Amino acid sequence: MHQTEDNFWISFKCLNDDFKYPLYSSVFSVVFVIGLIFNTVAVYIFACTLKLRNETTTYMMNLVVSDSLFVLSLPFRIAYFVKGEWLFGSVLCKISVALFYTNMYSSILFLTCISVDRFLAIVHPFRSQIIRTKRNAKLACCTVWVLVLSGGITTGFLLDTTSPINANSSAHYCFENYSKKQWKAELSKVVVFIETVGFIIPLLLNVFCSAMVLRTLGKPQAISRGGNLNKTKILRMIIVHLLLFCFCFIPYNINLIFYALVRSNILKGCDAEDVVRTIYPIALCIAVTNCCFDPVIYYFTSEAIQSSIRRKSTVWYNGARLFDRLQIDSSQSSPSATPKSLNLRSQRPKMFDNESTV
């Protein structure tokens, strides 16, 4: 039996998936740059310009914290993919792994909270007023953090996340190169937990909530009962939400299930091994882009954020106009100015005041 396991592991290692390292380093570098910019803007909006705080913005504020922590951990992963070995010790590898899974599944769960909140607001606008409070939103966020940290810490800290590249080398992998025995004993249980709690249940909730909202939007009496709802805007929210969920999370999580089945030797055959090992890096790269797309959800889902951005843009635009006009005034002024021209200049600030209030 031991010899069979070794032969399986050797066969598995002989499959060539070296393309994943340049793929990872390229995609993660792009995600780091875009994610850092987008999430910095999001942090600024939430911390400095957003005046109105509601249930939806509560979920988004927690989501941007998760995204920001993950983005800041990417340089370590990029260095690993470029170098081909982990240089930063076991502890940082564990933190990096924990942040990856914490970010992915907190994104899924917070997006699900937003979907459920929208379902309650549109399908049950009056009965949900007791449930849809900022206090309950904070309790929901605490529950999400407990779930994702329990899964992330278990995955990152309780498992031996580093392993030697070979018996004669001091270089180490980070969270890869596990044996079939460890997959059967530990990793398969982790996958079952995170896939059930972090993917399958949220996926069903998102589909159910979106279907019920679409059904409600088709009833004129429900629209009038719920207030002056903008049907087009709500449809746009649902489409953006589902597209992000399907694009970022479904490929990786479905492939992860098959990957675990192959690595645990439940699903056998060289063809199955080739397929899951080829799809896994591509699906993983797609999954990490969620930290770049989450700010899109912020904008399309929250009226408060849209108003805050429009207000800030208006202030910047008016400030730029005023600065340009002051520059023109300064260039036109001269010591030999006539009384008439001085009189005209003295009237300009008043004109600018009137323009800025329009």
Protein backbone atom coordinates (compact mmCIF):
# COMPACT_ATOMS: atom_id res chain seq x y z
CA MET A 1 0.00 0.00 0.00
CA HIS A 2 2.81 2.35 0.89
CA GLN A 3 4.50 1.64 -2.43
CA THR A 4 1.23 2.35 -4.27
CA GLU A 5 0.89 5.74 -2.58
CA ASP A 6 4.48 6.64 -3.48
CA ASN A 7 3.92 5.65 -7.09
CA PHE A 8 0.75 7.75 -7.19
CA TRP A 9 2.60 10.75 -5.77
CA ILE A 10 5.47 10.35 -8.23
CA SER A 11 2.99 10.08 -11.10
CA PHE A 12 1.20 13.16 -9.86
CA LYS A 13 4.43 15.13 -9.60
CA CYS A 14 5.46 14.13 -13.10
CA LEU A 15 2.56 16.09 -14.55
CA ASN A 16 3.96 19.36 -15.87
CA ASP A 17 2.19 22.43 -14.51
CA ASP A 18 5.23 24.74 -14.37
CA PHE A 19 3.28 27.30 -16.41
CA LYS A 20 1.50 28.30 -13.20
CA TYR A 21 4.45 30.25 -11.73
CA PRO A 22 4.85 32.86 -14.51
CA LEU A 23 1.04 32.99 -14.72
CA TYR A 24 0.71 33.62 -10.99
CA SER A 25 3.48 36.23 -10.88
CA SER A 26 2.01 38.18 -13.82
CA VAL A 27 -1.63 38.11 -12.71
CA PHE A 28 -0.88 38.74 -9.03
CA SER A 29 1.29 41.74 -9.95
CA VAL A 30 -1.54 43.30 -11.96
CA VAL A 31 -4.04 42.52 -9.20
CA PHE A 32 -1.72 44.10 -6.62
CA VAL A 33 -1.43 47.40 -8.53
CA ILE A 34 -5.13 47.70 -9.46
CA GLY A 35 -6.35 46.34 -6.13
CA LEU A 36 -4.13 48.73 -4.16
CA ILE A 37 -5.43 51.75 -6.10
CA PHE A 38 -9.10 50.74 -5.99
CA ASN A 39 -9.10 49.75 -2.33
CA THR A 40 -7.18 52.86 -1.28
CA VAL A 41 -9.90 54.94 -2.95
CA ALA A 42 -12.55 52.80 -1.24
CA VAL A 43 -10.92 53.26 2.17
CA TYR A 44 -10.77 57.03 1.59
CA ILE A 45 -14.46 57.15 0.64
CA PHE A 46 -15.59 55.08 3.63
CA ALA A 47 -13.33 56.84 6.14
CA CYS A 48 -13.40 60.46 4.96
CA THR A 49 -16.29 61.32 2.65
CA LEU A 50 -19.19 58.93 3.33
CA LYS A 51 -21.71 60.70 5.55
CA LEU A 52 -24.60 58.21 5.50
CA ARG A 53 -23.97 54.80 7.08
CA ASN A 54 -26.50 52.01 6.62
CA GLU A 55 -26.63 48.20 6.60
CA THR A 56 -25.19 47.88 3.08
CA THR A 57 -22.25 50.20 3.75
CA THR A 58 -21.54 48.25 6.97
CA TYR A 59 -21.02 45.07 4.93
CA MET A 60 -18.93 46.96 2.37
CA MET A 61 -16.68 48.51 5.01
CA ASN A 62 -15.86 45.05 6.35
CA LEU A 63 -15.30 43.78 2.82
CA VAL A 64 -12.82 46.56 2.01
CA VAL A 65 -10.84 45.68 5.16
CA SER A 66 -10.54 42.07 3.99
CA ASP A 67 -9.57 43.12 0.45
CA SER A 68 -6.96 45.59 1.69
CA LEU A 69 -5.26 43.03 3.93
CA PHE A 70 -5.13 40.52 1.08
CA VAL A 71 -3.71 43.06 -1.39
CA LEU A 72 -0.95 43.99 1.08
CA SER A 73 0.03 40.31 1.35
CA LEU A 74 0.42 39.86 -2.42
CA PRO A 75 4.06 41.06 -2.73
CA PHE A 76 5.18 38.03 -0.66
CA ARG A 77 3.30 35.68 -2.95
CA ILE A 78 4.64 37.41 -6.07
CA ALA A 79 8.22 37.06 -4.82
CA TYR A 80 7.56 33.36 -4.19
CA PHE A 81 6.21 32.78 -7.69
CA VAL A 82 9.10 34.67 -9.30
CA LYS A 83 11.81 33.00 -7.23
CA GLY A 84 10.25 29.53 -7.13
CA GLU A 85 10.82 29.12 -3.40
CA TRP A 86 9.43 30.59 -0.18
CA LEU A 87 12.00 32.90 1.44
CA PHE A 88 10.02 34.40 4.31
CA GLY A 89 9.67 31.60 6.84
CA SER A 90 6.82 29.39 7.97
CA VAL A 91 4.90 32.08 9.91
CA LEU A 92 4.54 34.48 6.97
CA CYS A 93 3.52 31.58 4.75
CA LYS A 94 0.76 30.70 7.21
CA ILE A 95 -0.38 34.34 7.36
CA SER A 96 -0.38 34.60 3.56
CA VAL A 97 -2.43 31.43 3.18
CA ALA A 98 -4.86 32.48 5.92
CA LEU A 99 -5.36 35.90 4.30
CA PHE A 100 -6.05 34.31 0.92
CA TYR A 101 -8.84 32.08 2.18
CA THR A 102 -10.14 34.73 4.57
CA ASN A 103 -10.43 37.22 1.70
CA MET A 104 -12.10 34.85 -0.75
CA TYR A 105 -14.74 33.51 1.59
CA SER A 106 -15.36 36.77 3.42
CA SER A 107 -16.00 38.32 -0.01
CA ILE A 108 -18.49 35.55 -0.79
CA LEU A 109 -20.23 35.88 2.58
CA PHE A 110 -20.36 39.69 2.64
CA LEU A 111 -21.73 39.74 -0.92
CA THR A 112 -24.32 37.23 0.29
CA CYS A 113 -25.20 39.53 3.20
CA ILE A 114 -25.73 42.37 0.70
CA SER A 115 -27.92 40.10 -1.43
CA VAL A 116 -30.02 39.04 1.58
CA ASP A 117 -30.33 42.66 2.73
CA ARG A 118 -31.56 43.70 -0.73
CA PHE A 119 -34.02 40.77 -0.70
CA LEU A 120 -35.47 41.87 2.64
CA ALA A 121 -35.67 45.53 1.59
CA ILE A 122 -37.53 44.82 -1.67
CA VAL A 123 -39.54 41.65 -1.03
CA HIS A 124 -40.45 42.37 2.61
CA PRO A 125 -40.01 46.16 2.98
CA PHE A 126 -42.22 46.57 6.09
CA ARG A 127 -41.68 43.33 7.99
CA SER A 128 -37.90 43.59 7.53
CA GLN A 129 -37.60 46.98 9.22
CA ILE A 130 -37.08 45.27 12.57
CA ILE A 131 -34.37 43.01 11.13
CA ARG A 132 -32.58 45.52 8.88
CA THR A 133 -30.76 47.57 11.50
CA LYS A 134 -27.14 48.64 11.76
CA ARG A 135 -26.83 46.65 14.98
CA ASN A 136 -27.92 43.43 13.28
CA ALA A 137 -25.65 44.21 10.32
CA LYS A 138 -22.70 44.46 12.71
CA LEU A 139 -23.70 41.15 14.33
CA ALA A 140 -23.84 39.55 10.86
CA CYS A 141 -20.34 40.91 10.08
CA CYS A 142 -18.99 39.49 13.35
CA THR A 143 -20.49 36.11 12.45
CA VAL A 144 -18.85 36.23 9.02
CA TRP A 145 -15.47 37.05 10.52
CA VAL A 146 -15.76 34.16 13.01
CA LEU A 147 -16.57 31.74 10.19
CA VAL A 148 -13.85 32.87 7.78
CA LEU A 149 -11.18 33.19 10.45
CA SER A 150 -11.96 29.73 11.80
CA GLY A 151 -11.51 28.32 8.29
CA GLY A 152 -8.57 30.56 7.37
CA ILE A 153 -6.66 30.04 10.61
CA THR A 154 -7.29 26.28 10.45
CA THR A 155 -5.98 26.17 6.91
CA GLY A 156 -3.06 28.54 7.43
CA PHE A 157 -1.86 27.87 10.97
CA LEU A 158 -2.85 24.37 12.02
CA LEU A 159 -1.45 22.72 8.89
CA ASP A 160 2.22 22.46 7.98
CA THR A 161 2.07 24.95 5.12
CA THR A 162 5.73 24.71 4.07
CA SER A 163 7.45 21.63 2.69
CA PRO A 164 10.93 21.01 1.21
CA ILE A 165 11.20 21.20 -2.58
CA ASN A 166 13.27 18.01 -2.44
CA ALA A 167 15.15 15.97 0.15
CA ASN A 168 18.53 17.54 -0.69
CA SER A 169 17.40 21.18 -0.77
CA SER A 170 16.83 23.80 1.92
CA ALA A 171 14.35 25.65 -0.33
CA HIS A 172 10.68 25.35 0.56
CA TYR A 173 7.28 25.39 -1.09
CA CYS A 174 4.48 27.40 0.49
CA PHE A 175 1.14 25.62 0.71
CA GLU A 176 1.68 23.10 -2.06
CA ASN A 177 3.39 19.76 -2.66
CA TYR A 178 1.24 17.88 -0.10
CA SER A 179 1.07 14.10 -0.15
CA LYS A 180 -2.08 12.09 -0.79
CA LYS A 181 -1.96 10.90 2.82
CA GLN A 182 -2.21 14.44 4.20
CA TRP A 183 -5.03 15.24 1.77
CA LYS A 184 -7.00 12.27 3.06
CA ALA A 185 -6.29 12.95 6.72
CA GLU A 186 -6.61 16.75 6.97
CA LEU A 187 -6.97 18.82 3.81
CA SER A 188 -10.07 17.04 2.48
CA LYS A 189 -11.91 17.89 5.73
CA VAL A 190 -10.88 21.55 5.42
CA VAL A 191 -12.14 21.61 1.82
CA VAL A 192 -15.49 20.10 2.86
CA PHE A 193 -15.92 22.78 5.54
CA ILE A 194 -14.97 25.81 3.44
CA GLU A 195 -16.88 24.60 0.38
CA THR A 196 -20.08 23.94 2.34
CA VAL A 197 -20.11 27.01 4.56
CA GLY A 198 -18.17 29.38 2.31
CA PHE A 199 -19.49 28.53 -1.15
CA ILE A 200 -22.45 26.14 -1.58
CA ILE A 201 -24.77 27.70 1.03
CA PRO A 202 -23.95 31.31 -0.03
CA LEU A 203 -24.42 30.36 -3.71
CA LEU A 204 -27.89 28.97 -3.00
CA LEU A 205 -28.79 32.05 -0.96
CA ASN A 206 -27.62 34.41 -3.71
CA VAL A 207 -29.61 32.57 -6.37
CA PHE A 208 -32.74 32.43 -4.18
CA CYS A 209 -32.57 36.11 -3.14
CA SER A 210 -31.93 37.31 -6.69
CA ALA A 211 -34.79 35.18 -8.07
CA MET A 212 -37.22 36.49 -5.44
CA VAL A 213 -36.21 40.11 -6.08
CA LEU A 214 -36.70 39.66 -9.83
CA ARG A 215 -40.07 38.05 -9.19
CA THR A 216 -41.10 40.96 -6.95
CA LEU A 217 -39.99 43.54 -9.51
CA GLY A 218 -42.42 41.97 -11.97
CA LYS A 219 -45.37 42.79 -9.71
CA PRO A 220 -46.61 46.41 -10.05
CA GLN A 221 -48.37 46.29 -6.68
CA ALA A 222 -45.13 45.23 -4.98
CA ILE A 223 -43.26 48.14 -6.59
CA SER A 224 -45.83 50.66 -5.38
CA ARG A 225 -45.89 49.07 -1.92
CA GLY A 226 -42.13 49.18 -1.60
CA GLY A 227 -41.87 52.85 -2.52
CA ASN A 228 -40.48 54.66 -5.52
CA LEU A 229 -38.05 51.96 -6.63
CA ASN A 230 -35.91 52.35 -9.70
CA LYS A 231 -36.43 49.05 -11.50
CA THR A 232 -33.55 49.52 -13.93
CA LYS A 233 -31.11 50.37 -11.17
CA ILE A 234 -32.07 47.32 -9.11
CA LEU A 235 -31.74 45.05 -12.13
CA ARG A 236 -28.28 46.50 -12.78
CA MET A 237 -27.31 45.78 -9.16
CA ILE A 238 -28.41 42.16 -9.43
CA ILE A 239 -26.65 41.60 -12.77
CA VAL A 240 -23.34 43.09 -11.56
CA HIS A 241 -23.59 41.14 -8.32
CA LEU A 242 -24.25 37.77 -9.99
CA LEU A 243 -21.65 38.32 -12.72
CA LEU A 244 -18.96 39.02 -10.12
CA PHE A 245 -20.00 36.00 -8.04
CA CYS A 246 -20.10 33.64 -11.02
CA PHE A 247 -16.91 34.92 -12.67
CA CYS A 248 -14.66 35.05 -9.60
CA PHE A 249 -15.81 32.25 -7.33
CA ILE A 250 -17.63 29.46 -9.18
CA PRO A 251 -14.68 28.26 -11.37
CA TYR A 252 -12.22 28.05 -8.46
CA ASN A 253 -14.54 26.42 -5.95
CA ILE A 254 -15.93 23.81 -8.33
CA ASN A 255 -12.41 22.91 -9.48
CA LEU A 256 -11.25 22.80 -5.84
CA ILE A 257 -13.83 20.09 -5.13
CA PHE A 258 -12.55 17.97 -8.01
CA TYR A 259 -8.95 18.78 -7.09
CA ALA A 260 -9.55 17.44 -3.56
CA LEU A 261 -11.23 14.30 -4.96
CA VAL A 262 -8.23 13.63 -7.22
CA ARG A 263 -5.64 14.33 -4.52
CA SER A 264 -7.52 12.09 -2.06
CA ASN A 265 -7.52 9.32 -4.70
CA ILE A 266 -11.33 9.19 -4.71
CA LEU A 267 -11.40 10.30 -8.34
CA LYS A 268 -8.79 8.29 -10.25
CA GLY A 269 -7.25 8.50 -13.69
CA CYS A 270 -4.50 10.48 -15.39
CA ASP A 271 -6.96 12.46 -17.48
CA ALA A 272 -8.73 13.75 -14.36
CA GLU A 273 -5.38 14.71 -12.82
CA ASP A 274 -4.32 16.60 -15.94
CA VAL A 275 -7.60 18.52 -16.12
CA VAL A 276 -7.77 19.64 -12.49
CA ARG A 277 -4.09 20.57 -12.32
CA THR A 278 -4.39 22.62 -15.52
CA ILE A 279 -7.60 24.41 -14.52
CA TYR A 280 -6.56 25.09 -10.91
CA PRO A 281 -3.98 27.87 -11.58
CA ILE A 282 -6.28 29.60 -14.07
CA ALA A 283 -9.26 29.44 -11.70
CA LEU A 284 -7.10 30.69 -8.82
CA CYS A 285 -5.95 33.71 -10.84
CA ILE A 286 -9.57 34.53 -11.68
CA ALA A 287 -10.54 34.18 -8.01
CA VAL A 288 -7.95 36.66 -6.71
CA THR A 289 -9.29 39.38 -9.03
CA ASN A 290 -12.31 39.73 -6.72
CA CYS A 291 -10.44 42.35 -4.67
CA CYS A 292 -10.32 44.53 -7.80
CA PHE A 293 -13.99 44.03 -8.68
CA ASP A 294 -15.45 44.55 -5.19
CA PRO A 295 -15.23 48.38 -5.53
CA VAL A 296 -17.49 48.02 -8.59
CA ILE A 297 -20.05 46.38 -6.31
CA TYR A 298 -19.66 49.27 -3.84
CA TYR A 299 -20.52 51.79 -6.54
CA PHE A 300 -23.42 49.99 -8.21
CA THR A 301 -25.02 48.75 -4.97
CA SER A 302 -24.93 51.82 -2.72
CA GLU A 303 -26.72 55.09 -3.44
CA ALA A 304 -24.82 56.64 -0.53
CA ILE A 305 -21.46 55.92 -2.17
CA GLN A 306 -22.63 57.19 -5.57
CA SER A 307 -23.84 60.43 -3.95
CA SER A 308 -20.58 60.78 -2.03
CA ILE A 309 -18.50 60.34 -5.21
CA ARG A 310 -20.67 62.79 -7.17
CA ARG A 311 -20.48 65.34 -4.37
CA LYS A 312 -16.70 65.04 -4.09
CA SER A 313 -16.32 65.24 -7.90
CA THR A 314 -18.43 68.41 -7.97
CA VAL A 315 -16.31 70.00 -5.25
CA TRP A 316 -13.10 69.15 -7.12
CA TYR A 317 -14.53 70.42 -10.43
CA ASN A 318 -15.68 73.73 -8.94
CA GLY A 319 -12.35 74.12 -7.16
CA ALA A 320 -10.47 73.56 -10.42
CA ARG A 321 -12.66 76.11 -12.22
CA LEU A 322 -12.09 78.70 -9.51
CA PHE A 323 -8.34 78.08 -9.58
CA ASP A 324 -8.24 78.51 -13.38
CA ARG A 325 -10.15 81.79 -13.21
CA LEU A 326 -7.91 83.12 -10.47
CA GLN A 327 -4.94 82.25 -12.65
CA ILE A 328 -6.50 84.21 -15.55
CA ASP A 329 -7.13 87.19 -13.25
CA SER A 330 -3.55 87.11 -12.05
CA SER A 331 -2.15 87.05 -15.60
CA GLN A 332 -4.38 89.94 -16.72
CA SER A 333 -3.58 92.24 -13.80
CA SER A 334 -0.82 94.87 -14.33
CA PRO A 335 0.39 98.07 -12.56
CA SER A 336 -0.83 100.32 -15.44
CA ALA A 337 -4.38 99.09 -15.26
CA THR A 338 -7.06 101.68 -16.00
CA PRO A 339 -9.72 102.52 -13.41
CA LYS A 340 -12.31 100.89 -15.68
CA SER A 341 -10.41 97.62 -15.83
CA LEU A 342 -9.85 97.71 -12.05
CA ASN A 343 -13.55 98.21 -11.56
CA LEU A 344 -14.31 95.17 -13.72
CA ARG A 345 -11.84 93.03 -11.78
CA SER A 346 -13.38 94.09 -8.49
CA GLN A 347 -16.72 92.74 -9.72
CA ARG A 348 -15.37 89.30 -10.83
CA PRO A 349 -15.24 87.57 -7.42
CA LYS A 350 -18.94 88.31 -6.96
CA MET A 351 -19.68 86.80 -10.36
CA PHE A 352 -17.65 83.70 -9.45
CA ASP A 353 -19.59 83.33 -6.20
CA ASN A 354 -22.82 83.35 -8.13
CA GLU A 355 -21.53 80.74 -10.61
CA SER A 356 -20.29 78.41 -7.90
CA THR A 357 -23.71 78.27 -6.30
CA VAL A 358 -25.54 77.24 -9.47
